[in-house]
């Protein structure tokens, strides 16, 4: 009897998953739940394709944001390097002027 209960439990979980998917898909597409359940393999394939497309779009946006941030960091580093070079040049000039004055 334990095996039958286990199979029944798994069937119930699977059925609940299908029902939940169909309800969410119905809300997203405006189509009838029965139509979605009746065409479940195709619905799952389409949903997978939609997820893949959203993932690709998200990755492209993340890549663009990372590139922009990298450009900002490069600009900050270049500005800091220039500031340090100016400070170093000014220190050297001051040191040389001090030597000339002595």
N, C-alpha and C. Protein backbone atom coordinates (compact mmCIF):
# COMPACT_ATOMS: atom_id res chain seq x y z
N UNK A 1 0.82 -1.20 0.00
CA UNK A 1 0.00 0.00 0.00
C UNK A 1 0.86 1.26 0.00
N UNK A 2 2.06 1.21 0.58
CA UNK A 2 2.94 2.37 0.63
C UNK A 2 3.36 2.83 -0.76
N UNK A 3 3.58 1.87 -1.66
CA UNK A 3 3.99 2.22 -3.02
C UNK A 3 2.88 2.97 -3.75
N UNK A 4 1.65 2.50 -3.57
CA UNK A 4 0.52 3.17 -4.22
C UNK A 4 0.32 4.58 -3.67
N UNK A 5 0.54 4.76 -2.37
CA UNK A 5 0.43 6.10 -1.79
C UNK A 5 1.50 7.02 -2.38
N UNK A 6 2.71 6.47 -2.52
CA UNK A 6 3.80 7.26 -3.09
C UNK A 6 3.52 7.67 -4.52
N UNK A 7 3.01 6.72 -5.30
CA UNK A 7 2.67 7.02 -6.70
C UNK A 7 1.54 8.04 -6.76
N UNK A 8 0.56 7.86 -5.88
CA UNK A 8 -0.56 8.81 -5.83
C UNK A 8 -0.09 10.21 -5.45
N UNK A 9 0.82 10.27 -4.48
CA UNK A 9 1.36 11.56 -4.06
C UNK A 9 2.11 12.23 -5.21
N UNK A 10 2.95 11.48 -5.89
CA UNK A 10 3.69 12.05 -7.03
C UNK A 10 2.75 12.50 -8.14
N UNK A 11 1.71 11.72 -8.40
CA UNK A 11 0.73 12.11 -9.42
C UNK A 11 0.02 13.39 -9.01
N UNK A 12 -0.31 13.51 -7.73
CA UNK A 12 -0.95 14.73 -7.24
C UNK A 12 -0.05 15.94 -7.37
N UNK A 13 1.22 15.77 -7.04
CA UNK A 13 2.19 16.88 -7.18
C UNK A 13 2.34 17.27 -8.64
N UNK A 14 2.45 16.28 -9.51
CA UNK A 14 2.59 16.57 -10.95
C UNK A 14 1.35 17.29 -11.47
N UNK A 15 0.17 16.82 -11.05
CA UNK A 15 -1.08 17.45 -11.47
C UNK A 15 -1.16 18.89 -10.99
N UNK A 16 -0.74 19.12 -9.74
CA UNK A 16 -0.76 20.49 -9.20
C UNK A 16 0.22 21.37 -9.97
N UNK A 17 1.37 20.81 -10.34
CA UNK A 17 2.34 21.57 -11.13
C UNK A 17 1.79 21.95 -12.49
N UNK A 18 1.13 21.01 -13.14
CA UNK A 18 0.52 21.29 -14.45
C UNK A 18 -0.56 22.36 -14.31
N UNK A 19 -1.38 22.24 -13.28
CA UNK A 19 -2.46 23.21 -13.07
C UNK A 19 -1.88 24.60 -12.81
N UNK A 20 -0.86 24.67 -11.98
CA UNK A 20 -0.24 25.96 -11.68
C UNK A 20 0.38 26.57 -12.95
N UNK A 21 1.10 25.74 -13.72
CA UNK A 21 1.70 26.23 -14.96
C UNK A 21 0.61 26.74 -15.90
N UNK A 22 -0.46 25.98 -16.04
CA UNK A 22 -1.54 26.36 -16.95
C UNK A 22 -2.20 27.66 -16.51
N UNK A 23 -2.40 27.83 -15.21
CA UNK A 23 -3.01 29.07 -14.71
C UNK A 23 -2.10 30.27 -14.96
N UNK A 24 -0.82 30.12 -14.67
CA UNK A 24 0.10 31.24 -14.89
C UNK A 24 0.23 31.55 -16.38
N UNK A 25 0.29 30.52 -17.19
CA UNK A 25 0.39 30.71 -18.64
C UNK A 25 -0.88 31.37 -19.18
N UNK A 26 -2.03 30.96 -18.65
CA UNK A 26 -3.30 31.55 -19.05
C UNK A 26 -3.33 33.03 -18.71
N UNK A 27 -2.87 33.37 -17.50
CA UNK A 27 -2.85 34.77 -17.09
C UNK A 27 -1.90 35.59 -17.96
N UNK A 28 -0.79 34.98 -18.38
CA UNK A 28 0.19 35.70 -19.19
C UNK A 28 -0.25 35.85 -20.64
N UNK A 29 -0.96 34.85 -21.17
CA UNK A 29 -1.30 34.87 -22.59
C UNK A 29 -2.76 35.23 -22.86
N UNK A 30 -3.61 35.10 -21.82
CA UNK A 30 -5.03 35.37 -22.02
C UNK A 30 -5.78 34.20 -22.64
N UNK A 31 -5.10 33.08 -22.82
CA UNK A 31 -5.76 31.90 -23.39
C UNK A 31 -6.38 31.05 -22.29
N UNK A 32 -7.28 30.17 -22.67
CA UNK A 32 -8.00 29.32 -21.74
C UNK A 32 -7.07 28.27 -21.13
N UNK A 33 -7.27 27.97 -19.84
CA UNK A 33 -6.46 26.97 -19.14
C UNK A 33 -6.59 25.61 -19.80
N UNK A 34 -7.80 25.24 -20.19
CA UNK A 34 -8.03 23.95 -20.85
C UNK A 34 -7.26 23.83 -22.15
N UNK A 35 -7.20 24.91 -22.90
CA UNK A 35 -6.44 24.91 -24.16
C UNK A 35 -4.95 24.70 -23.88
N UNK A 36 -4.47 25.32 -22.84
CA UNK A 36 -3.05 25.19 -22.49
C UNK A 36 -2.74 23.77 -22.05
N UNK A 37 -3.59 23.20 -21.19
CA UNK A 37 -3.37 21.83 -20.72
C UNK A 37 -3.46 20.86 -21.89
N UNK A 38 -4.39 21.09 -22.78
CA UNK A 38 -4.56 20.22 -23.94
C UNK A 38 -3.38 20.24 -24.90
N UNK A 39 -2.64 21.31 -24.87
CA UNK A 39 -1.49 21.47 -25.77
C UNK A 39 -0.21 21.62 -24.95
N UNK A 40 -0.13 20.86 -23.85
CA UNK A 40 0.94 21.04 -22.88
C UNK A 40 2.36 20.91 -23.45
N UNK A 41 2.67 19.88 -24.25
CA UNK A 41 4.05 19.78 -24.75
C UNK A 41 4.48 21.01 -25.56
N UNK A 42 3.61 21.50 -26.40
CA UNK A 42 3.93 22.68 -27.21
C UNK A 42 4.03 23.93 -26.32
N UNK A 43 3.15 24.02 -25.33
CA UNK A 43 3.20 25.15 -24.40
C UNK A 43 4.52 25.17 -23.64
N UNK A 44 4.96 24.02 -23.18
CA UNK A 44 6.23 23.93 -22.45
C UNK A 44 7.40 24.31 -23.36
N UNK A 45 7.35 23.87 -24.62
CA UNK A 45 8.42 24.22 -25.57
C UNK A 45 8.45 25.73 -25.79
N UNK A 46 7.28 26.32 -26.01
CA UNK A 46 7.20 27.76 -26.23
C UNK A 46 7.68 28.53 -25.00
N UNK A 47 7.28 28.06 -23.83
CA UNK A 47 7.69 28.71 -22.59
C UNK A 47 9.21 28.65 -22.43
N UNK A 48 9.78 27.50 -22.76
CA UNK A 48 11.23 27.36 -22.72
C UNK A 48 11.92 28.33 -23.66
N UNK A 49 11.37 28.49 -24.85
CA UNK A 49 11.94 29.43 -25.83
C UNK A 49 11.84 30.87 -25.33
N UNK A 50 10.68 31.19 -24.72
CA UNK A 50 10.50 32.54 -24.18
C UNK A 50 11.49 32.82 -23.05
N UNK A 51 11.69 31.83 -22.18
CA UNK A 51 12.67 31.99 -21.10
C UNK A 51 14.08 32.17 -21.65
N UNK A 52 14.40 31.38 -22.67
CA UNK A 52 15.72 31.49 -23.29
C UNK A 52 15.91 32.88 -23.89
N UNK A 53 14.90 33.41 -24.56
CA UNK A 53 14.98 34.74 -25.16
C UNK A 53 15.15 35.81 -24.08
N UNK A 54 14.37 35.70 -22.99
CA UNK A 54 14.51 36.67 -21.90
C UNK A 54 15.89 36.60 -21.27
N UNK A 55 16.41 35.39 -21.14
CA UNK A 55 17.76 35.22 -20.58
C UNK A 55 18.80 35.88 -21.48
N UNK A 56 18.68 35.68 -22.78
CA UNK A 56 19.63 36.29 -23.72
C UNK A 56 19.56 37.82 -23.66
N UNK A 57 18.35 38.37 -23.57
CA UNK A 57 18.18 39.81 -23.47
C UNK A 57 18.78 40.34 -22.16
N UNK A 58 18.54 39.62 -21.09
CA UNK A 58 19.10 40.03 -19.80
C UNK A 58 20.62 39.98 -19.81
N UNK A 59 21.17 38.96 -20.42
CA UNK A 59 22.63 38.85 -20.51
C UNK A 59 23.21 39.99 -21.34
N UNK A 60 22.53 40.35 -22.42
CA UNK A 60 23.01 41.46 -23.25
C UNK A 60 22.98 42.77 -22.48
N UNK A 61 21.91 43.00 -21.73
CA UNK A 61 21.82 44.21 -20.91
C UNK A 61 22.90 44.23 -19.83
N UNK A 62 23.15 43.09 -19.22
CA UNK A 62 24.18 43.00 -18.18
C UNK A 62 25.56 43.26 -18.79
N UNK A 63 25.79 42.73 -19.98
CA UNK A 63 27.07 42.95 -20.66
C UNK A 63 27.27 44.43 -20.97
N UNK A 64 26.20 45.09 -21.44
CA UNK A 64 26.28 46.52 -21.73
C UNK A 64 26.58 47.32 -20.47
N UNK A 65 25.90 46.98 -19.39
CA UNK A 65 26.12 47.68 -18.12
C UNK A 65 27.55 47.46 -17.63
N UNK A 66 28.05 46.25 -17.76
CA UNK A 66 29.42 45.96 -17.33
C UNK A 66 30.42 46.74 -18.18
N UNK A 67 30.17 46.83 -19.48
CA UNK A 67 31.07 47.59 -20.36
C UNK A 67 31.06 49.07 -19.99
N UNK A 68 29.87 49.61 -19.71
CA UNK A 68 29.79 51.03 -19.31
C UNK A 68 30.55 51.25 -18.01
N UNK A 69 30.38 50.35 -17.06
CA UNK A 69 31.06 50.50 -15.77
C UNK A 69 32.57 50.37 -15.95
N UNK A 70 33.00 49.47 -16.81
CA UNK A 70 34.43 49.31 -17.07
C UNK A 70 35.01 50.60 -17.68
N UNK A 71 34.26 51.23 -18.58
CA UNK A 71 34.70 52.49 -19.17
C UNK A 71 34.80 53.58 -18.10
N UNK A 72 33.83 53.61 -17.18
CA UNK A 72 33.87 54.60 -16.09
C UNK A 72 35.10 54.37 -15.21
N UNK A 73 35.36 53.13 -14.89
CA UNK A 73 36.52 52.81 -14.05
C UNK A 73 37.82 53.17 -14.77
N UNK A 74 37.91 52.87 -16.05
CA UNK A 74 39.10 53.22 -16.83
C UNK A 74 39.32 54.73 -16.83
N UNK A 75 38.23 55.49 -16.99
CA UNK A 75 38.34 56.95 -17.00
C UNK A 75 38.81 57.46 -15.63
N UNK A 76 38.28 56.89 -14.55
CA UNK A 76 38.70 57.28 -13.20
C UNK A 76 40.18 56.95 -12.97
N UNK A 77 40.60 55.79 -13.41
CA UNK A 77 42.00 55.40 -13.25
C UNK A 77 42.92 56.31 -14.06
N UNK A 78 42.51 56.64 -15.28
CA UNK A 78 43.32 57.53 -16.12
C UNK A 78 43.43 58.92 -15.46
N UNK A 79 42.33 59.42 -14.91
CA UNK A 79 42.35 60.72 -14.24
C UNK A 79 43.25 60.68 -13.02
N UNK A 80 43.19 59.60 -12.26
CA UNK A 80 44.03 59.47 -11.07
C UNK A 80 45.51 59.37 -11.45
N UNK A 81 45.80 58.63 -12.50
CA UNK A 81 47.19 58.52 -12.98
C UNK A 81 47.71 59.89 -13.41
N UNK A 82 46.88 60.65 -14.11
CA UNK A 82 47.29 61.99 -14.55
C UNK A 82 47.52 62.89 -13.34
N UNK A 83 46.66 62.80 -12.34
CA UNK A 83 46.83 63.60 -11.13
C UNK A 83 48.12 63.24 -10.41
N UNK A 84 48.39 61.96 -10.33
CA UNK A 84 49.63 61.52 -9.67
C UNK A 84 50.87 61.97 -10.44
N UNK A 85 50.79 61.91 -11.77
CA UNK A 85 51.92 62.37 -12.58
C UNK A 85 52.16 63.87 -12.37
N UNK A 86 51.07 64.65 -12.33
CA UNK A 86 51.20 66.09 -12.10
C UNK A 86 51.81 66.37 -10.73
N UNK A 87 51.36 65.63 -9.73
CA UNK A 87 51.88 65.82 -8.37
C UNK A 87 53.35 65.44 -8.32
N UNK A 88 53.70 64.37 -9.00
CA UNK A 88 55.09 63.92 -9.02
C UNK A 88 55.97 64.93 -9.74
N UNK A 89 55.48 65.45 -10.86
CA UNK A 89 56.23 66.46 -11.63
C UNK A 89 56.40 67.73 -10.80
N UNK A 90 55.35 68.13 -10.11
CA UNK A 90 55.43 69.33 -9.28
C UNK A 90 56.42 69.13 -8.13
N UNK A 91 56.43 67.93 -7.56
CA UNK A 91 57.37 67.64 -6.47
C UNK A 91 58.80 67.66 -6.98
N UNK A 92 59.01 67.10 -8.16
CA UNK A 92 60.36 67.10 -8.74
C UNK A 92 60.80 68.52 -9.06
N UNK A 93 59.90 69.32 -9.60
CA UNK A 93 60.23 70.71 -9.93
C UNK A 93 60.56 71.48 -8.65
N UNK A 94 59.79 71.25 -7.60
CA UNK A 94 60.04 71.91 -6.32
C UNK A 94 61.37 71.47 -5.74
N UNK A 95 61.69 70.21 -5.90
CA UNK A 95 62.94 69.69 -5.38
C UNK A 95 64.12 70.30 -6.14
N UNK A 96 63.98 70.40 -7.46
CA UNK A 96 65.05 70.97 -8.27
C UNK A 96 65.21 72.47 -7.97
N UNK A 97 64.10 73.15 -7.77
CA UNK A 97 64.17 74.57 -7.43
C UNK A 97 64.84 74.75 -6.08
N UNK A 98 64.57 73.85 -5.15
CA UNK A 98 65.22 73.92 -3.85
C UNK A 98 66.70 73.69 -3.94
N UNK A 99 67.12 72.81 -4.85
CA UNK A 99 68.54 72.55 -5.05
C UNK A 99 69.24 73.74 -5.68
N UNK A 100 68.54 74.40 -6.58
CA UNK A 100 69.13 75.55 -7.25
C UNK A 100 69.28 76.72 -6.28
N UNK A 101 68.38 76.82 -5.35
CA UNK A 101 68.39 77.92 -4.40
C UNK A 101 69.46 77.75 -3.33
N UNK A 102 69.96 76.53 -3.17
CA UNK A 102 70.96 76.32 -2.11
C UNK A 102 72.36 76.51 -2.59
